Amino acid sequence: MNEQTLSRRLERVAAHVPQGARLADIGSDHGYLPVALMLRGVIEAGVAGEVAQTPFASAQRNVRRNGLEGCITVRLADGLAAVEADDRISVISICGMGGDTMCDILQAGKQRLAGVMRLVLQPNGAERELREWLAGNGYRIVNEELLRENRFDYEIIVAEPGEAAYTAEQLYFGPVLLQEKSEAFRVKWRRMLKQKQQTLANFERARDAVPQVKIDDFNRQVGWITQVLA
């Protein structure tokens, strides 16, 4: 993968960045996403934020190699500290980290979200917790995708400012994903159902007692999945 050939996962993230956006990509790694979108003429300006020195240096090299120093700013910063008021950012993307980490980043940088019209998020796990944060902080989910790449299921969550209320099941499966029930969605949840059922069987065989609240939670999840797949 490079700025010319994004992974399928990043291509789907890129598809949710509107034409003319001013993008901040947080945890940008090599800066592939903003560089690719700038080369394609999709974004007007970009910020690549990275907290670690090695990927920060890599992103700087990629921006420089493509002659984009005047359009993309690379900043060594923690989370949304990479975003400054003068950037006039309209879209923030965060990809490839845990959903709980994304919640922490968004919570810590809430004051920097003013003026941002779209969040494009690709969490690695804890999707339910991320949706809960969005719904509780004035965001509605406008789009979702589920794709499988390199034996992993990835969910993309696109949110915009607005009020929304979701059921526990919608937060668990994703309101848009639950409505569409694509083949990728069905395949994922058939696999997850087997895993949850296996875990429940392991609980029964465990020598140490498993807390009843945990067993109840797994039973509830199995019930939801079975109902959705019916």
Protein backbone atom coordinates (compact mmCIF):
# COMPACT_ATOMS: atom_id res chain seq x y z
CA MET A 1 0.00 0.00 0.00
CA ASN A 2 1.07 3.58 -0.74
CA GLU A 3 -0.50 6.93 -1.59
CA GLN A 4 -1.13 5.70 -5.15
CA THR A 5 -2.70 2.38 -4.14
CA LEU A 6 -4.64 2.52 -0.89
CA SER A 7 -5.83 -0.64 0.86
CA ARG A 8 -9.46 -1.56 0.21
CA ARG A 9 -10.26 -0.42 3.75
CA LEU A 10 -8.74 3.04 3.24
CA GLU A 11 -10.37 3.32 -0.21
CA ARG A 12 -13.76 2.92 1.44
CA VAL A 13 -12.82 5.54 4.08
CA ALA A 14 -11.71 7.87 1.26
CA ALA A 15 -15.09 7.41 -0.45
CA HIS A 16 -16.79 9.15 2.50
CA VAL A 17 -14.64 12.31 2.30
CA PRO A 18 -16.63 14.89 0.33
CA GLN A 19 -15.23 16.90 -2.59
CA GLY A 20 -13.61 20.14 -1.42
CA ALA A 21 -13.20 19.00 2.21
CA ARG A 22 -10.48 20.27 4.48
CA LEU A 23 -9.37 16.98 6.07
CA ALA A 24 -7.57 16.19 9.31
CA ASP A 25 -6.44 12.56 9.40
CA ILE A 26 -5.64 11.66 13.01
CA GLY A 27 -3.20 8.80 13.52
CA SER A 28 -2.27 9.27 9.89
CA ASP A 29 0.59 6.75 9.94
CA HIS A 30 2.38 7.36 6.59
CA GLY A 31 -0.04 10.10 5.56
CA TYR A 32 -1.32 7.92 2.70
CA LEU A 33 -4.98 8.98 3.00
CA PRO A 34 -4.59 12.79 2.85
CA VAL A 35 -1.84 12.52 0.22
CA ALA A 36 -3.97 10.23 -1.98
CA LEU A 37 -7.02 12.49 -1.66
CA MET A 38 -4.95 15.60 -2.46
CA LEU A 39 -3.40 13.93 -5.52
CA ARG A 40 -6.90 13.01 -6.71
CA GLY A 41 -8.12 16.60 -6.27
CA VAL A 42 -10.72 15.60 -3.68
CA ILE A 43 -9.58 17.71 -0.71
CA GLU A 44 -8.72 21.39 -0.58
CA ALA A 45 -6.23 21.06 2.30
CA GLY A 46 -5.07 18.43 4.72
CA VAL A 47 -3.53 17.85 8.13
CA ALA A 48 -1.80 14.57 8.96
CA GLY A 49 -1.59 14.16 12.73
CA GLU A 50 0.65 11.52 14.26
CA VAL A 51 1.70 10.96 17.86
CA ALA A 52 4.71 8.69 17.15
CA GLN A 53 7.99 9.98 15.74
CA THR A 54 8.63 7.25 13.12
CA PRO A 55 5.28 7.45 11.25
CA PHE A 56 5.37 11.26 11.63
CA ALA A 57 8.72 11.32 9.78
CA SER A 58 7.33 8.89 7.18
CA ALA A 59 4.29 11.12 6.56
CA GLN A 60 6.59 14.14 6.18
CA ARG A 61 8.63 12.27 3.55
CA ASN A 62 5.52 11.23 1.61
CA VAL A 63 4.13 14.77 1.59
CA ARG A 64 7.51 16.16 0.50
CA ARG A 65 8.04 13.49 -2.18
CA ASN A 66 4.70 14.40 -3.76
CA GLY A 67 5.37 18.15 -3.59
CA LEU A 68 2.39 18.78 -1.31
CA GLU A 69 4.07 20.77 1.49
CA GLY A 70 1.90 23.78 0.63
CA CYS A 71 -1.35 21.78 0.90
CA ILE A 72 -0.80 19.19 3.65
CA THR A 73 0.59 19.98 7.09
CA VAL A 74 2.12 17.11 9.07
CA ARG A 75 2.02 17.61 12.84
CA LEU A 76 3.52 15.61 15.69
CA ALA A 77 0.65 15.81 18.17
CA ASP A 78 -1.57 13.69 20.40
CA GLY A 79 -5.05 13.18 18.92
CA LEU A 80 -7.00 16.29 18.01
CA ALA A 81 -4.20 18.53 19.30
CA ALA A 82 -3.04 18.24 15.66
CA VAL A 83 -6.00 20.43 14.63
CA GLU A 84 -5.64 24.22 14.83
CA ALA A 85 -8.36 26.84 14.30
CA ASP A 86 -6.60 28.29 11.25
CA ASP A 87 -6.84 24.88 9.51
CA ARG A 88 -10.64 25.37 9.14
CA ILE A 89 -11.06 21.58 9.14
CA SER A 90 -14.43 20.30 7.87
CA VAL A 91 -13.82 16.53 8.02
CA ILE A 92 -11.89 14.42 10.52
CA SER A 93 -10.89 10.84 9.79
CA ILE A 94 -9.56 8.41 12.41
CA CYS A 95 -8.70 4.89 11.26
CA GLY A 96 -7.14 1.69 12.50
CA MET A 97 -7.30 2.04 16.28
CA GLY A 98 -9.63 0.75 18.96
CA GLY A 99 -13.05 2.35 19.27
CA ASP A 100 -12.39 3.06 22.96
CA THR A 101 -9.20 4.96 22.01
CA MET A 102 -11.22 6.95 19.47
CA CYS A 103 -13.72 7.86 22.20
CA ASP A 104 -10.83 9.13 24.36
CA ILE A 105 -9.43 11.18 21.45
CA LEU A 106 -12.80 12.74 20.60
CA GLN A 107 -13.61 13.44 24.25
CA ALA A 108 -10.21 15.03 24.97
CA GLY A 109 -10.39 17.19 21.83
CA LYS A 110 -14.10 18.09 21.89
CA GLN A 111 -13.43 21.82 21.71
CA ARG A 112 -11.53 21.29 18.44
CA LEU A 113 -14.57 19.69 16.76
CA ALA A 114 -16.31 23.06 16.32
CA GLY A 115 -16.97 23.61 12.61
CA VAL A 116 -16.29 19.95 11.73
CA MET A 117 -19.17 18.72 9.59
CA ARG A 118 -18.25 15.04 9.31
CA LEU A 119 -16.39 12.32 11.19
CA VAL A 120 -15.21 9.28 9.21
CA LEU A 121 -14.21 6.59 11.70
CA GLN A 122 -12.83 3.11 11.14
CA PRO A 123 -12.48 1.47 14.56
CA ASN A 124 -10.74 -1.82 15.25
CA GLY A 125 -13.22 -3.14 17.83
CA ALA A 126 -15.39 -1.39 20.45
CA GLU A 127 -17.75 -0.16 17.71
CA ARG A 128 -20.68 -0.19 20.14
CA GLU A 129 -18.84 2.09 22.60
CA LEU A 130 -17.94 4.48 19.77
CA ARG A 131 -21.56 4.69 18.61
CA GLU A 132 -22.63 5.36 22.21
CA TRP A 133 -20.14 8.25 22.42
CA LEU A 134 -21.36 9.72 19.13
CA ALA A 135 -25.04 9.51 20.10
CA GLY A 136 -24.30 10.97 23.53
CA ASN A 137 -22.31 13.89 22.15
CA GLY A 138 -24.57 15.32 19.48
CA TYR A 139 -23.77 13.17 16.43
CA ARG A 140 -26.03 11.07 14.24
CA ILE A 141 -24.73 8.18 12.16
CA VAL A 142 -25.41 8.91 8.48
CA ASN A 143 -23.60 5.98 6.88
CA GLU A 144 -21.88 2.71 7.76
CA GLU A 145 -19.99 0.05 5.87
CA LEU A 146 -18.70 -3.38 6.76
CA LEU A 147 -15.92 -5.03 4.79
CA ARG A 148 -13.56 -7.96 5.25
CA GLU A 149 -9.88 -7.60 4.44
CA ASN A 150 -6.98 -9.89 5.40
CA ARG A 151 -9.30 -12.07 7.53
CA PHE A 152 -10.51 -9.11 9.60
CA ASP A 153 -13.93 -7.44 9.63
CA TYR A 154 -13.76 -3.66 9.48
CA GLU A 155 -16.61 -1.26 10.14
CA ILE A 156 -16.65 2.33 8.88
CA ILE A 157 -18.89 4.76 10.75
CA VAL A 158 -19.72 8.16 9.24
CA ALA A 159 -21.27 10.70 11.62
CA GLU A 160 -22.42 14.31 11.33
CA PRO A 161 -23.66 16.83 13.92
CA GLY A 162 -27.29 16.15 14.82
CA GLU A 163 -29.50 14.54 17.41
CA ALA A 164 -30.17 10.80 17.27
CA ALA A 165 -31.50 8.14 19.62
CA TYR A 166 -30.59 4.49 19.08
CA THR A 167 -31.79 1.25 20.61
CA ALA A 168 -29.32 -1.07 22.33
CA GLU A 169 -29.47 -3.36 19.26
CA GLN A 170 -28.75 -0.47 16.88
CA LEU A 171 -25.71 0.52 18.92
CA TYR A 172 -24.52 -3.09 18.90
CA PHE A 173 -24.94 -3.85 15.19
CA GLY A 174 -24.88 -0.32 13.76
CA PRO A 175 -28.16 1.40 12.78
CA VAL A 176 -27.37 1.58 9.05
CA LEU A 177 -25.76 -1.89 8.92
CA LEU A 178 -28.75 -3.37 10.75
CA GLN A 179 -31.16 -1.80 8.28
CA GLU A 180 -29.24 -2.96 5.19
CA LYS A 181 -28.21 -6.45 6.43
CA SER A 182 -25.72 -6.93 3.59
CA GLU A 183 -24.17 -10.31 2.84
CA ALA A 184 -20.92 -9.17 4.54
CA PHE A 185 -22.99 -8.29 7.61
CA ARG A 186 -24.68 -11.72 7.66
CA VAL A 187 -21.37 -13.55 7.20
CA LYS A 188 -19.75 -11.59 10.05
CA TRP A 189 -22.60 -12.18 12.49
CA ARG A 190 -22.92 -15.88 11.64
CA ARG A 191 -19.26 -16.18 12.57
CA MET A 192 -19.75 -14.06 15.71
CA LEU A 193 -22.74 -16.18 16.77
CA LYS A 194 -20.59 -19.33 16.75
CA GLN A 195 -17.91 -17.54 18.80
CA LYS A 196 -20.41 -16.28 21.38
CA GLN A 197 -22.03 -19.72 21.69
CA GLN A 198 -18.58 -21.29 22.14
CA THR A 199 -17.75 -18.75 24.85
CA LEU A 200 -20.98 -19.57 26.70
CA ALA A 201 -20.09 -23.28 26.52
CA ASN A 202 -16.63 -22.45 27.92
CA PHE A 203 -18.27 -20.52 30.77
CA GLU A 204 -20.21 -23.63 31.74
CA ARG A 205 -17.03 -25.72 31.81
CA ALA A 206 -14.95 -23.13 33.66
CA ARG A 207 -13.63 -24.22 37.05
CA ASP A 208 -13.99 -20.71 38.48
CA ALA A 209 -17.48 -19.27 38.55
CA VAL A 210 -18.12 -16.71 35.81
CA PRO A 211 -20.07 -13.66 37.06
CA GLN A 212 -23.77 -14.04 36.26
CA VAL A 213 -23.88 -10.52 34.77
CA LYS A 214 -21.30 -11.59 32.16
CA ILE A 215 -23.24 -14.75 31.29
CA ASP A 216 -26.45 -12.70 30.98
CA ASP A 217 -24.71 -10.23 28.66
CA PHE A 218 -23.49 -13.01 26.36
CA ASN A 219 -26.93 -14.64 26.36
CA ARG A 220 -28.48 -11.31 25.42
CA GLN A 221 -25.99 -10.89 22.55
CA VAL A 222 -26.68 -14.42 21.29
CA GLY A 223 -30.39 -13.63 21.39
CA TRP A 224 -29.95 -10.44 19.36
CA ILE A 225 -27.72 -12.11 16.76
CA THR A 226 -30.07 -15.10 16.39
CA GLN A 227 -33.04 -12.76 15.89
CA VAL A 228 -31.19 -10.60 13.33
CA LEU A 229 -30.08 -13.62 11.31
CA ALA A 230 -33.51 -15.30 11.40
